[in-house]
Amino acid sequence: MRAILAVLVLVNVLLLALHQFGVIPTSGPSGSGEAPVVPPSAPSLQLLSEASGELPLAGHSQSDQDQGSVSDALPLCVLVGPFTEHGDADSIGQRLRALDVTAESQNIEVSDGRGYWVHLAPELSQREALRRLHELQAKQIDSYVIPRGELANGISFGMFSRRALAEARRDELQALGYDAKIREVERTHREIWLVMPALQARALSDRLWEELLAEYPTLERRQNLCPGVASE
């Protein structure tokens, strides 16, 4: 009996010594439930459902995408014209549609450049505007009432293509006691053009364009942003 007790005491002393020198760990893998410490440099895991954004495409960098030109993203059209009559444009349009080209005649606003409008500020009412007009016409000053727009019920003294001419007219009116002003405006006019997608127009042969030019020598062919896109 004493021998058994001595053996047990000896075993306990041996186990205590092994724990003391770290040969046997004090806790197993489950331990106290604390998460193991991960070095800061270790990569973290991420669920696919947590990922955001798009995968980068092979062979494409973000800088390549950012540097794309605006014209690559906006629709381009070929414009043929101008025509004096819609009938001529529609006739050519039918020929092109037979070749699977979507061609339509449209009225296109074409810029005439800047204009310089000499005018008086709007009156409080149309009656006051007419009274001012009669006063000016009695002095043989060419003028008319502006019927609509931001300057409605104002008095117009004409549109000039050159600023120097507009300034000379303004100075004449101011010398007569009228507070004439100059407004710079964009002048436009309408033309009839045949409009078609650029990709479809490129498929047409040079011979076809030569035939059209022989029939209508004044026609021009231009490539531009499709009408409606350029004005946005």
Foldseek 3Di string as FASTA:
>chain_A
DVVVVVVVVVVVVVVVVCVVVPVDDPADPPGPPDDDDDDPPDDDDDDPVPDDDDDDDPPDDPVNVVPDDPPVVFFKKKKKDFDPDLVVLVVVCVVLVVVVWRKDKDKDKDWPFKKKWKWAAADPDLVVLVVVVVVCVVVVQDWDADCDDPRHNIITNDIGPDPVVSVVVCVVVVVVPGNIDIDMDIDIDITIIMITGPVSVVPDDPVVVVVVCVVPVPMDMDMDGPPPVVVD
